[in-house]
Amino acid sequence: MAHSPISLASIRSFFIGGTTAVVSGLPVEYRSMVLNGAPRKVDPNGEHEYGQMYVQEYRLANPRHPHPVLLWHGGGMTGCTWETTPDGRDGWLWRFLEAGYDVLVSDAVERGRSSWARFPEVYQESPVFRTKHEAWTTFRIGPTYDPEPERRIAFPGQQFPIEHFDYFAKQWVPRWPGHETMILAAYTALADHVGPCHIVAHSQGAGFACEIACRRPDVVQSLVCIEPGGMPVPERVKSGGLPPHLVVWGDFIQASGSHWIGYRQQADRYLAAIADYTRIQTLDLPVEGITGNSHLPMMDRNGDEIFDCVLAWMQK
């Protein structure tokens, strides 16, 4: 699909949130810090900044909508989720700019350019790293993973570009379970900084977005949850005025077993709890005749078709 040129007024970035930790009692080392450099003193004791979030901001020369779109990624990933697909097509970042929205793409706390902190001195635990085997099955690409690409088995009709799966794996980053409070603090600060906005979020990021919509219902104008994983506690919702929600589900959920069935049930319980307080639409892609989608619809070969469905809902 040929995409249109875009006229940008600016591309800027900023950090938001974070605090300072003081580290003491660690040994001083002498290490080479540059290519072929002589060892020099490296003292890790002192103040360290952590908990900040990196945001890249694209402002159009002539936006056609008053409020920007905030793009939030899922667990173990970064904002590049939205930039370019693994097989080299333009991502949803470009599509939203084409549609006339200013766009802000973030790397959540501890991910990508947001950086992370020492552990166990600041973070209490070591990070979790995703294996290719885990991703192949968890992202619902197929039932069988093998180190040899030709031996991998994908689900029939799979829309994810499986020939680029190994390249996709290069963008994964470590993450720390149990950092939800710290991550939500930065997302809350971002919503307060930006003001009225639309949030389009994937997987773990969609759960965070639902929580921010509860905290800042006057700021979040609409919320698109792509395959949400993890949601607020239903009892969290006690008042009206929540923004409209669109929830998008891909294919192969039943074939993937209890893991995704449980996530879907958790999301359904939460949406039922807020049904009296907002407008909710569920876009179940297989039910709508759009089949073969993985957990990553924005990267799938038919991602532009799904984007058009999302955009049509937003512009209602």
C-alpha atoms as a PDB file:
ATOM      1  CA  MET A   1       0.000   0.000   0.000  1.00  0.00           C
ATOM      2  CA  ALA A   2       1.428   3.401  -1.040  1.00  0.00           C
ATOM      3  CA  HIS A   3       1.285   5.929   1.754  1.00  0.00           C
ATOM      4  CA  SER A   4       1.035   9.698   1.458  1.00  0.00           C
ATOM      5  CA  PRO A   5       3.787  12.245   2.197  1.00  0.00           C
ATOM      6  CA  ILE A   6       3.476  13.954   5.571  1.00  0.00           C
ATOM      7  CA  SER A   7       4.363  17.526   6.504  1.00  0.00           C
ATOM      8  CA  LEU A   8       5.744  17.701  10.034  1.00  0.00           C
ATOM      9  CA  ALA A   9       6.156  20.826  12.119  1.00  0.00           C
ATOM     10  CA  SER A  10       8.491  19.098  14.582  1.00  0.00           C
ATOM     11  CA  ILE A  11       9.932  15.850  15.905  1.00  0.00           C
ATOM     12  CA  ARG A  12      10.971  16.203  19.519  1.00  0.00           C
ATOM     13  CA  SER A  13      11.501  13.958  22.512  1.00  0.00           C
ATOM     14  CA  PHE A  14      11.304  14.320  26.260  1.00  0.00           C
ATOM     15  CA  PHE A  15      11.454  12.325  29.470  1.00  0.00           C
ATOM     16  CA  ILE A  16       8.735  12.370  32.074  1.00  0.00           C
ATOM     17  CA  GLY A  17       8.409  10.987  35.590  1.00  0.00           C
ATOM     18  CA  GLY A  18      11.179   9.409  37.605  1.00  0.00           C
ATOM     19  CA  THR A  19      12.917   9.954  40.893  1.00  0.00           C
ATOM     20  CA  THR A  20      16.361   9.680  42.474  1.00  0.00           C
ATOM     21  CA  ALA A  21      17.853   6.725  44.322  1.00  0.00           C
ATOM     22  CA  VAL A  22      21.066   6.902  46.373  1.00  0.00           C
ATOM     23  CA  VAL A  23      23.443   3.951  46.126  1.00  0.00           C
ATOM     24  CA  SER A  24      26.218   3.455  48.669  1.00  0.00           C
ATOM     25  CA  GLY A  25      28.621   0.815  49.887  1.00  0.00           C
ATOM     26  CA  LEU A  26      29.560  -0.582  46.470  1.00  0.00           C
ATOM     27  CA  PRO A  27      33.179  -1.226  45.484  1.00  0.00           C
ATOM     28  CA  VAL A  28      35.028   1.200  43.231  1.00  0.00           C
ATOM     29  CA  GLU A  29      36.301  -0.393  40.017  1.00  0.00           C
ATOM     30  CA  TYR A  30      38.935   0.489  37.431  1.00  0.00           C
ATOM     31  CA  ARG A  31      37.745  -0.267  33.916  1.00  0.00           C
ATOM     32  CA  SER A  32      38.380   0.776  30.337  1.00  0.00           C
ATOM     33  CA  MET A  33      35.452   2.949  29.253  1.00  0.00           C
ATOM     34  CA  VAL A  34      36.387   3.651  25.600  1.00  0.00           C
ATOM     35  CA  LEU A  35      37.883   1.686  22.727  1.00  0.00           C
ATOM     36  CA  ASN A  36      41.441   0.708  23.669  1.00  0.00           C
ATOM     37  CA  GLY A  37      41.305   3.075  26.630  1.00  0.00           C
ATOM     38  CA  ALA A  38      43.324   2.790  29.798  1.00  0.00           C
ATOM     39  CA  PRO A  39      41.366   1.706  32.897  1.00  0.00           C
ATOM     40  CA  ARG A  40      39.962   4.567  34.938  1.00  0.00           C
ATOM     41  CA  LYS A  41      38.107   4.890  38.198  1.00  0.00           C
ATOM     42  CA  VAL A  42      34.400   3.958  38.086  1.00  0.00           C
ATOM     43  CA  ASP A  43      32.527   4.721  41.296  1.00  0.00           C
ATOM     44  CA  PRO A  44      28.864   3.563  41.262  1.00  0.00           C
ATOM     45  CA  ASN A  45      28.071   5.172  44.615  1.00  0.00           C
ATOM     46  CA  GLY A  46      25.903   8.271  44.532  1.00  0.00           C
ATOM     47  CA  GLU A  47      22.630   9.463  43.027  1.00  0.00           C
ATOM     48  CA  HIS A  48      20.897   7.614  40.182  1.00  0.00           C
ATOM     49  CA  GLU A  49      17.770   8.673  38.280  1.00  0.00           C
ATOM     50  CA  TYR A  50      15.195   5.945  37.601  1.00  0.00           C
ATOM     51  CA  GLY A  51      11.518   5.498  36.830  1.00  0.00           C
ATOM     52  CA  GLN A  52      11.539   8.009  33.951  1.00  0.00           C
ATOM     53  CA  MET A  53       9.795   7.401  30.614  1.00  0.00           C
ATOM     54  CA  TYR A  54      10.996   8.374  27.151  1.00  0.00           C
ATOM     55  CA  VAL A  55       8.469   9.932  24.750  1.00  0.00           C
ATOM     56  CA  GLN A  56       8.962  10.884  21.095  1.00  0.00           C
ATOM     57  CA  GLU A  57       6.568  13.532  19.822  1.00  0.00           C
ATOM     58  CA  TYR A  58       5.518  14.016  16.196  1.00  0.00           C
ATOM     59  CA  ARG A  59       3.657  17.261  15.537  1.00  0.00           C
ATOM     60  CA  LEU A  60       2.082  17.851  12.128  1.00  0.00           C
ATOM     61  CA  ALA A  61       2.322  21.127  10.275  1.00  0.00           C
ATOM     62  CA  ASN A  62      -1.470  21.047   9.816  1.00  0.00           C
ATOM     63  CA  PRO A  63      -3.147  18.520  12.113  1.00  0.00           C
ATOM     64  CA  ARG A  64      -6.767  17.737  11.269  1.00  0.00           C
ATOM     65  CA  HIS A  65      -7.769  16.618  14.764  1.00  0.00           C
ATOM     66  CA  PRO A  66      -7.526  18.593  18.008  1.00  0.00           C
ATOM     67  CA  HIS A  67      -6.138  15.839  20.229  1.00  0.00           C
ATOM     68  CA  PRO A  68      -3.018  13.674  19.717  1.00  0.00           C
ATOM     69  CA  VAL A  69      -2.797   9.892  19.711  1.00  0.00           C
ATOM     70  CA  LEU A  70      -0.596   8.265  22.352  1.00  0.00           C
ATOM     71  CA  LEU A  71       0.815   4.875  21.280  1.00  0.00           C
ATOM     72  CA  TRP A  72       1.705   2.488  24.128  1.00  0.00           C
ATOM     73  CA  HIS A  73       3.457  -0.838  23.578  1.00  0.00           C
ATOM     74  CA  GLY A  74       3.170  -4.207  25.298  1.00  0.00           C
ATOM     75  CA  GLY A  75       5.347  -6.175  27.706  1.00  0.00           C
ATOM     76  CA  GLY A  76       9.009  -6.675  26.863  1.00  0.00           C
ATOM     77  CA  MET A  77       8.713  -4.322  23.885  1.00  0.00           C
ATOM     78  CA  THR A  78       9.220  -0.646  23.055  1.00  0.00           C
ATOM     79  CA  GLY A  79       7.680   2.107  20.970  1.00  0.00           C
ATOM     80  CA  CYS A  80       9.143   0.570  17.816  1.00  0.00           C
ATOM     81  CA  THR A  81       6.067  -1.685  17.938  1.00  0.00           C
ATOM     82  CA  TRP A  82       4.290   1.128  16.102  1.00  0.00           C
ATOM     83  CA  GLU A  83       7.037   2.412  13.816  1.00  0.00           C
ATOM     84  CA  THR A  84       7.810  -0.265  11.223  1.00  0.00           C
ATOM     85  CA  THR A  85       6.570  -3.828  10.794  1.00  0.00           C
ATOM     86  CA  PRO A  86       9.096  -6.700  10.913  1.00  0.00           C
ATOM     87  CA  ASP A  87       8.806  -7.070   7.126  1.00  0.00           C
ATOM     88  CA  GLY A  88       9.505  -3.378   6.528  1.00  0.00           C
ATOM     89  CA  ARG A  89       6.068  -1.810   6.033  1.00  0.00           C
ATOM     90  CA  ASP A  90       5.023   1.489   7.566  1.00  0.00           C
ATOM     91  CA  GLY A  91       3.592   1.055  11.047  1.00  0.00           C
ATOM     92  CA  TRP A  92       0.538   2.561  12.678  1.00  0.00           C
ATOM     93  CA  LEU A  93       2.580   5.607  13.729  1.00  0.00           C
ATOM     94  CA  TRP A  94       2.728   6.654  10.077  1.00  0.00           C
ATOM     95  CA  ARG A  95      -0.908   5.793   9.495  1.00  0.00           C
ATOM     96  CA  PHE A  96      -2.089   8.012  12.355  1.00  0.00           C
ATOM     97  CA  LEU A  97       0.041  10.861  11.044  1.00  0.00           C
ATOM     98  CA  GLU A  98      -1.473  10.336   7.583  1.00  0.00           C
ATOM     99  CA  ALA A  99      -4.913  10.471   9.175  1.00  0.00           C
ATOM    100  CA  GLY A 100      -4.135  13.926  10.571  1.00  0.00           C
ATOM    101  CA  TYR A 101      -3.301  13.173  14.202  1.00  0.00           C
ATOM    102  CA  ASP A 102      -0.267  14.373  16.118  1.00  0.00           C
ATOM    103  CA  VAL A 103       1.341  11.274  17.647  1.00  0.00           C
ATOM    104  CA  LEU A 104       3.385  10.585  20.776  1.00  0.00           C
ATOM    105  CA  VAL A 105       5.170   7.220  21.025  1.00  0.00           C
ATOM    106  CA  SER A 106       6.687   6.170  24.331  1.00  0.00           C
ATOM    107  CA  ASP A 107       9.073   3.567  25.706  1.00  0.00           C
ATOM    108  CA  ALA A 108       7.580   2.559  29.049  1.00  0.00           C
ATOM    109  CA  VAL A 109       9.620   2.863  32.235  1.00  0.00           C
ATOM    110  CA  GLU A 110      12.579   0.402  32.237  1.00  0.00           C
ATOM    111  CA  ARG A 111      12.241  -0.266  28.470  1.00  0.00           C
ATOM    112  CA  GLY A 112      14.312   0.963  25.543  1.00  0.00           C
ATOM    113  CA  ARG A 113      15.417   4.588  25.751  1.00  0.00           C
ATOM    114  CA  SER A 114      13.720   5.024  29.120  1.00  0.00           C
ATOM    115  CA  SER A 115      16.633   3.000  30.495  1.00  0.00           C
ATOM    116  CA  TRP A 116      16.707   0.881  33.629  1.00  0.00           C
ATOM    117  CA  ALA A 117      18.444   0.896  36.990  1.00  0.00           C
ATOM    118  CA  ARG A 118      20.902  -1.145  38.996  1.00  0.00           C
ATOM    119  CA  PHE A 119      19.655  -4.265  40.706  1.00  0.00           C
ATOM    120  CA  PRO A 120      19.369  -5.259  43.461  1.00  0.00           C
ATOM    121  CA  GLU A 121      20.495  -1.822  44.711  1.00  0.00           C
ATOM    122  CA  VAL A 122      17.594   0.081  43.047  1.00  0.00           C
ATOM    123  CA  TYR A 123      15.430  -2.552  41.349  1.00  0.00           C
ATOM    124  CA  GLN A 124      14.839  -5.414  43.746  1.00  0.00           C
ATOM    125  CA  GLU A 125      15.025  -8.216  41.201  1.00  0.00           C
ATOM    126  CA  SER A 126      16.795  -9.204  38.015  1.00  0.00           C
ATOM    127  CA  PRO A 127      14.909  -8.726  34.720  1.00  0.00           C
ATOM    128  CA  VAL A 128      12.912 -11.234  32.722  1.00  0.00           C
ATOM    129  CA  PHE A 129      13.978 -11.941  29.131  1.00  0.00           C
ATOM    130  CA  ARG A 130      11.661 -13.399  26.480  1.00  0.00           C
ATOM    131  CA  THR A 131      12.819 -16.442  24.526  1.00  0.00           C
ATOM    132  CA  LYS A 132      11.868 -17.055  20.913  1.00  0.00           C
ATOM    133  CA  HIS A 133       9.964 -20.169  21.949  1.00  0.00           C
ATOM    134  CA  GLU A 134       7.880 -18.186  24.430  1.00  0.00           C
ATOM    135  CA  ALA A 135       7.119 -15.478  21.881  1.00  0.00           C
ATOM    136  CA  TRP A 136       6.122 -17.930  19.143  1.00  0.00           C
ATOM    137  CA  THR A 137       3.460 -19.490  21.340  1.00  0.00           C
ATOM    138  CA  THR A 138       2.496 -16.524  23.564  1.00  0.00           C
ATOM    139  CA  PHE A 139       2.039 -14.219  20.577  1.00  0.00           C
ATOM    140  CA  ARG A 140      -0.155 -16.935  19.022  1.00  0.00           C
ATOM    141  CA  ILE A 141       1.941 -17.349  15.905  1.00  0.00           C
ATOM    142  CA  GLY A 142       1.819 -21.115  15.976  1.00  0.00           C
ATOM    143  CA  PRO A 143       1.612 -24.257  18.125  1.00  0.00           C
ATOM    144  CA  THR A 144       5.170 -25.502  17.573  1.00  0.00           C
ATOM    145  CA  TYR A 145       8.486 -23.652  17.792  1.00  0.00           C
ATOM    146  CA  ASP A 146      11.840 -24.979  16.632  1.00  0.00           C
ATOM    147  CA  PRO A 147      15.241 -23.276  16.431  1.00  0.00           C
ATOM    148  CA  GLU A 148      15.243 -24.175  12.731  1.00  0.00           C
ATOM    149  CA  PRO A 149      12.775 -21.861  10.958  1.00  0.00           C
ATOM    150  CA  GLU A 150      11.667 -24.484   8.446  1.00  0.00           C
ATOM    151  CA  ARG A 151      10.559 -26.762  11.299  1.00  0.00           C
ATOM    152  CA  ARG A 152       8.347 -24.180  12.984  1.00  0.00           C
ATOM    153  CA  ILE A 153       4.617 -24.715  12.640  1.00  0.00           C
ATOM    154  CA  ALA A 154       2.388 -21.662  12.321  1.00  0.00           C
ATOM    155  CA  PHE A 155      -1.371 -21.614  12.668  1.00  0.00           C
ATOM    156  CA  PRO A 156      -3.151 -22.085   9.308  1.00  0.00           C
ATOM    157  CA  GLY A 157      -3.733 -18.754   7.612  1.00  0.00           C
ATOM    158  CA  GLN A 158      -1.348 -16.942   9.969  1.00  0.00           C
ATOM    159  CA  GLN A 159      -1.102 -13.227   9.062  1.00  0.00           C
ATOM    160  CA  PHE A 160       2.121 -12.495  10.969  1.00  0.00           C
ATOM    161  CA  PRO A 161       5.077 -12.397   8.531  1.00  0.00           C
ATOM    162  CA  ILE A 162       6.694 -15.533   9.981  1.00  0.00           C
ATOM    163  CA  GLU A 163       9.687 -15.378   7.628  1.00  0.00           C
ATOM    164  CA  HIS A 164      10.702 -12.243   9.588  1.00  0.00           C
ATOM    165  CA  PHE A 165      10.136 -13.677  13.062  1.00  0.00           C
ATOM    166  CA  ASP A 166      13.854 -13.861  13.936  1.00  0.00           C
ATOM    167  CA  TYR A 167      14.286 -10.251  12.879  1.00  0.00           C
ATOM    168  CA  PHE A 168      11.281  -9.308  15.044  1.00  0.00           C
ATOM    169  CA  ALA A 169      13.039 -10.924  18.021  1.00  0.00           C
ATOM    170  CA  LYS A 170      15.810  -8.316  17.833  1.00  0.00           C
ATOM    171  CA  GLN A 171      13.492  -5.606  19.180  1.00  0.00           C
ATOM    172  CA  TRP A 172      12.579  -7.323  22.458  1.00  0.00           C
ATOM    173  CA  VAL A 173      13.937  -5.828  25.667  1.00  0.00           C
ATOM    174  CA  PRO A 174      14.146  -6.971  29.309  1.00  0.00           C
ATOM    175  CA  ARG A 175      11.350  -6.151  31.720  1.00  0.00           C
ATOM    176  CA  TRP A 176      10.853  -6.310  35.469  1.00  0.00           C
ATOM    177  CA  PRO A 177       7.666  -7.951  36.812  1.00  0.00           C
ATOM    178  CA  GLY A 178       6.095  -6.063  39.690  1.00  0.00           C
ATOM    179  CA  HIS A 179       6.911  -2.535  38.475  1.00  0.00           C
ATOM    180  CA  GLU A 180       3.308  -1.620  37.702  1.00  0.00           C
ATOM    181  CA  THR A 181       3.127   1.194  40.275  1.00  0.00           C
ATOM    182  CA  MET A 182       6.261   2.857  38.906  1.00  0.00           C
ATOM    183  CA  ILE A 183       5.154   2.491  35.288  1.00  0.00           C
ATOM    184  CA  LEU A 184       1.659   3.826  35.997  1.00  0.00           C
ATOM    185  CA  ALA A 185       3.130   6.854  37.771  1.00  0.00           C
ATOM    186  CA  ALA A 186       4.952   7.814  34.567  1.00  0.00           C
ATOM    187  CA  TYR A 187       1.915   7.168  32.362  1.00  0.00           C
ATOM    188  CA  THR A 188      -0.215   9.310  34.681  1.00  0.00           C
ATOM    189  CA  ALA A 189       2.358  12.100  34.469  1.00  0.00           C
ATOM    190  CA  LEU A 190       2.326  11.800  30.673  1.00  0.00           C
ATOM    191  CA  ALA A 191      -1.459  12.110  30.501  1.00  0.00           C
ATOM    192  CA  ASP A 192      -1.334  15.176  32.757  1.00  0.00           C
ATOM    193  CA  HIS A 193       1.428  16.706  30.631  1.00  0.00           C
ATOM    194  CA  VAL A 194      -0.250  16.127  27.257  1.00  0.00           C
ATOM    195  CA  GLY A 195      -3.843  16.866  28.236  1.00  0.00           C
ATOM    196  CA  PRO A 196      -6.811  15.654  26.149  1.00  0.00           C
ATOM    197  CA  CYS A 197      -5.693  12.724  24.021  1.00  0.00           C
ATOM    198  CA  HIS A 198      -6.587   9.385  22.475  1.00  0.00           C
ATOM    199  CA  ILE A 199      -4.699   6.295  23.671  1.00  0.00           C
ATOM    200  CA  VAL A 200      -4.037   3.303  21.430  1.00  0.00           C
ATOM    201  CA  ALA A 201      -2.341   0.588  23.451  1.00  0.00           C
ATOM    202  CA  HIS A 202      -1.259  -3.018  22.989  1.00  0.00           C
ATOM    203  CA  SER A 203      -1.249  -5.971  25.375  1.00  0.00           C
ATOM    204  CA  GLN A 204       0.219  -5.009  28.768  1.00  0.00           C
ATOM    205  CA  GLY A 205       0.090  -1.366  27.685  1.00  0.00           C
ATOM    206  CA  ALA A 206      -3.665  -1.684  27.117  1.00  0.00           C
ATOM    207  CA  GLY A 207      -4.175  -2.703  30.733  1.00  0.00           C
ATOM    208  CA  PHE A 208      -2.161   0.326  31.818  1.00  0.00           C
ATOM    209  CA  ALA A 209      -4.236   2.522  29.506  1.00  0.00           C
ATOM    210  CA  CYS A 210      -7.483   1.316  31.091  1.00  0.00           C
ATOM    211  CA  GLU A 211      -6.130   2.257  34.515  1.00  0.00           C
ATOM    212  CA  ILE A 212      -5.126   5.719  33.275  1.00  0.00           C
ATOM    213  CA  ALA A 213      -8.619   6.157  31.802  1.00  0.00           C
ATOM    214  CA  CYS A 214      -9.996   5.476  35.304  1.00  0.00           C
ATOM    215  CA  ARG A 215      -7.568   7.954  36.849  1.00  0.00           C
ATOM    216  CA  ARG A 216      -7.965  10.656  34.201  1.00  0.00           C
ATOM    217  CA  PRO A 217     -11.372  10.219  32.520  1.00  0.00           C
ATOM    218  CA  ASP A 218     -11.444  13.915  31.700  1.00  0.00           C
ATOM    219  CA  VAL A 219      -8.140  13.645  29.807  1.00  0.00           C
ATOM    220  CA  VAL A 220      -8.515  10.400  27.840  1.00  0.00           C
ATOM    221  CA  GLN A 221     -10.949  11.080  24.987  1.00  0.00           C
ATOM    222  CA  SER A 222     -11.038   7.548  23.615  1.00  0.00           C
ATOM    223  CA  LEU A 223      -9.228   4.298  24.290  1.00  0.00           C
ATOM    224  CA  VAL A 224      -8.294   1.548  21.824  1.00  0.00           C
ATOM    225  CA  CYS A 225      -7.152  -1.662  23.527  1.00  0.00           C
ATOM    226  CA  ILE A 226      -5.380  -4.027  21.149  1.00  0.00           C
ATOM    227  CA  GLU A 227      -5.387  -7.520  22.676  1.00  0.00           C
ATOM    228  CA  PRO A 228      -5.309  -6.329  26.310  1.00  0.00           C
ATOM    229  CA  GLY A 229      -3.306  -8.379  28.788  1.00  0.00           C
ATOM    230  CA  GLY A 230      -4.021  -7.459  32.404  1.00  0.00           C
ATOM    231  CA  MET A 231      -6.812  -5.071  33.406  1.00  0.00           C
ATOM    232  CA  PRO A 232      -7.793  -2.964  36.413  1.00  0.00           C
ATOM    233  CA  VAL A 233      -9.751  -4.627  39.194  1.00  0.00           C
ATOM    234  CA  PRO A 234     -13.465  -4.261  38.310  1.00  0.00           C
ATOM    235  CA  GLU A 235     -14.195  -2.824  41.767  1.00  0.00           C
ATOM    236  CA  ARG A 236     -11.851   0.013  40.813  1.00  0.00           C
ATOM    237  CA  VAL A 237     -14.643   1.569  38.756  1.00  0.00           C
ATOM    238  CA  LYS A 238     -17.137   3.417  40.929  1.00  0.00           C
ATOM    239  CA  SER A 239     -18.305   6.356  38.851  1.00  0.00           C
ATOM    240  CA  GLY A 240     -19.312   7.340  35.360  1.00  0.00           C
ATOM    241  CA  GLY A 241     -17.678   9.512  32.762  1.00  0.00           C
ATOM    242  CA  LEU A 242     -15.192   7.013  31.356  1.00  0.00           C
ATOM    243  CA  PRO A 243     -14.111   7.498  27.721  1.00  0.00           C
ATOM    244  CA  PRO A 244     -15.417   5.176  25.001  1.00  0.00           C
ATOM    245  CA  HIS A 245     -13.466   1.912  24.621  1.00  0.00           C
ATOM    246  CA  LEU A 246     -12.719  -0.162  21.522  1.00  0.00           C
ATOM    247  CA  VAL A 247     -11.246  -3.601  22.264  1.00  0.00           C
ATOM    248  CA  VAL A 248      -9.645  -5.543  19.405  1.00  0.00           C
ATOM    249  CA  TRP A 249      -9.070  -9.315  19.503  1.00  0.00           C
ATOM    250  CA  GLY A 250      -7.186 -11.417  16.980  1.00  0.00           C
ATOM    251  CA  ASP A 251      -7.427 -15.081  16.079  1.00  0.00           C
ATOM    252  CA  PHE A 252      -6.379 -18.450  17.545  1.00  0.00           C
ATOM    253  CA  ILE A 253      -7.330 -17.642  21.158  1.00  0.00           C
ATOM    254  CA  GLN A 254      -9.069 -20.956  21.779  1.00  0.00           C
ATOM    255  CA  ALA A 255      -6.271 -22.839  20.029  1.00  0.00           C
ATOM    256  CA  SER A 256      -3.685 -21.247  22.324  1.00  0.00           C
ATOM    257  CA  GLY A 257      -5.092 -22.686  25.544  1.00  0.00           C
ATOM    258  CA  SER A 258      -5.744 -21.302  29.013  1.00  0.00           C
ATOM    259  CA  HIS A 259      -3.204 -18.448  28.893  1.00  0.00           C
ATOM    260  CA  TRP A 260      -5.121 -16.325  26.414  1.00  0.00           C
ATOM    261  CA  ILE A 261      -8.532 -17.617  27.363  1.00  0.00           C
ATOM    262  CA  GLY A 262      -7.818 -16.268  30.865  1.00  0.00           C
ATOM    263  CA  TYR A 263      -6.713 -12.857  29.565  1.00  0.00           C
ATOM    264  CA  ARG A 264      -9.861 -12.622  27.426  1.00  0.00           C
ATOM    265  CA  GLN A 265     -12.075 -13.541  30.369  1.00  0.00           C
ATOM    266  CA  GLN A 266     -10.357 -10.991  32.604  1.00  0.00           C
ATOM    267  CA  ALA A 267     -10.898  -8.268  30.009  1.00  0.00           C
ATOM    268  CA  ASP A 268     -14.538  -9.282  29.536  1.00  0.00           C
ATOM    269  CA  ARG A 269     -15.171  -9.054  33.295  1.00  0.00           C
ATOM    270  CA  TYR A 270     -13.663  -5.590  33.446  1.00  0.00           C
ATOM    271  CA  LEU A 271     -15.621  -4.352  30.426  1.00  0.00           C
ATOM    272  CA  ALA A 272     -18.840  -5.704  31.901  1.00  0.00           C
ATOM    273  CA  ALA A 273     -18.077  -3.779  35.104  1.00  0.00           C
ATOM    274  CA  ILE A 274     -17.726  -0.462  33.255  1.00  0.00           C
ATOM    275  CA  ALA A 275     -20.543  -1.015  30.758  1.00  0.00           C
ATOM    276  CA  ASP A 276     -22.845   1.333  32.656  1.00  0.00           C
ATOM    277  CA  TYR A 277     -20.270   4.122  32.606  1.00  0.00           C
ATOM    278  CA  THR A 278     -19.167   4.317  28.990  1.00  0.00           C
ATOM    279  CA  ARG A 279     -19.623   3.091  25.412  1.00  0.00           C
ATOM    280  CA  ILE A 280     -17.800  -0.145  24.633  1.00  0.00           C
ATOM    281  CA  GLN A 281     -17.311  -1.848  21.288  1.00  0.00           C
ATOM    282  CA  THR A 282     -15.514  -5.155  20.814  1.00  0.00           C
ATOM    283  CA  LEU A 283     -13.923  -5.805  17.433  1.00  0.00           C
ATOM    284  CA  ASP A 284     -13.523  -9.588  17.361  1.00  0.00           C
ATOM    285  CA  LEU A 285     -11.667  -9.923  14.084  1.00  0.00           C
ATOM    286  CA  PRO A 286     -12.568 -13.572  13.273  1.00  0.00           C
ATOM    287  CA  VAL A 287     -16.231 -12.852  14.011  1.00  0.00           C
ATOM    288  CA  GLU A 288     -16.020  -9.959  11.533  1.00  0.00           C
ATOM    289  CA  GLY A 289     -14.506 -12.250   8.905  1.00  0.00           C
ATOM    290  CA  ILE A 290     -10.937 -10.955   9.370  1.00  0.00           C
ATOM    291  CA  THR A 291      -9.025 -14.138  10.126  1.00  0.00           C
ATOM    292  CA  GLY A 292      -5.482 -15.274  10.836  1.00  0.00           C
ATOM    293  CA  ASN A 293      -4.350 -12.497  13.155  1.00  0.00           C
ATOM    294  CA  SER A 294      -1.760 -13.048  15.853  1.00  0.00           C
ATOM    295  CA  HIS A 295      -1.402 -11.175  19.135  1.00  0.00           C
ATOM    296  CA  LEU A 296       0.273  -8.455  17.047  1.00  0.00           C
ATOM    297  CA  PRO A 297      -2.374  -7.130  14.626  1.00  0.00           C
ATOM    298  CA  MET A 298      -0.427  -3.930  13.977  1.00  0.00           C
ATOM    299  CA  MET A 299       2.440  -6.038  12.591  1.00  0.00           C
ATOM    300  CA  ASP A 300       0.361  -8.594  10.704  1.00  0.00           C
ATOM    301  CA  ARG A 301       0.152  -8.474   6.919  1.00  0.00           C
ATOM    302  CA  ASN A 302      -3.404  -7.166   7.092  1.00  0.00           C
ATOM    303  CA  GLY A 303      -2.511  -4.524   9.689  1.00  0.00           C
ATOM    304  CA  ASP A 304      -3.630  -1.682   7.414  1.00  0.00           C
ATOM    305  CA  GLU A 305      -7.102  -3.211   7.153  1.00  0.00           C
ATOM    306  CA  ILE A 306      -7.342  -3.426  10.938  1.00  0.00           C
ATOM    307  CA  PHE A 307      -6.034   0.119  11.295  1.00  0.00           C
ATOM    308  CA  ASP A 308      -8.829   1.327   9.009  1.00  0.00           C
ATOM    309  CA  CYS A 309     -11.378  -0.312  11.336  1.00  0.00           C
ATOM    310  CA  VAL A 310      -9.792   1.388  14.355  1.00  0.00           C
ATOM    311  CA  LEU A 311      -9.655   4.762  12.612  1.00  0.00           C
ATOM    312  CA  ALA A 312     -13.299   4.531  11.515  1.00  0.00           C
ATOM    313  CA  TRP A 313     -14.332   3.879  15.126  1.00  0.00           C
ATOM    314  CA  MET A 314     -12.253   6.775  16.436  1.00  0.00           C
ATOM    315  CA  GLN A 315     -13.667   9.178  13.899  1.00  0.00           C
ATOM    316  CA  LYS A 316     -17.276   8.356  14.756  1.00  0.00           C
END
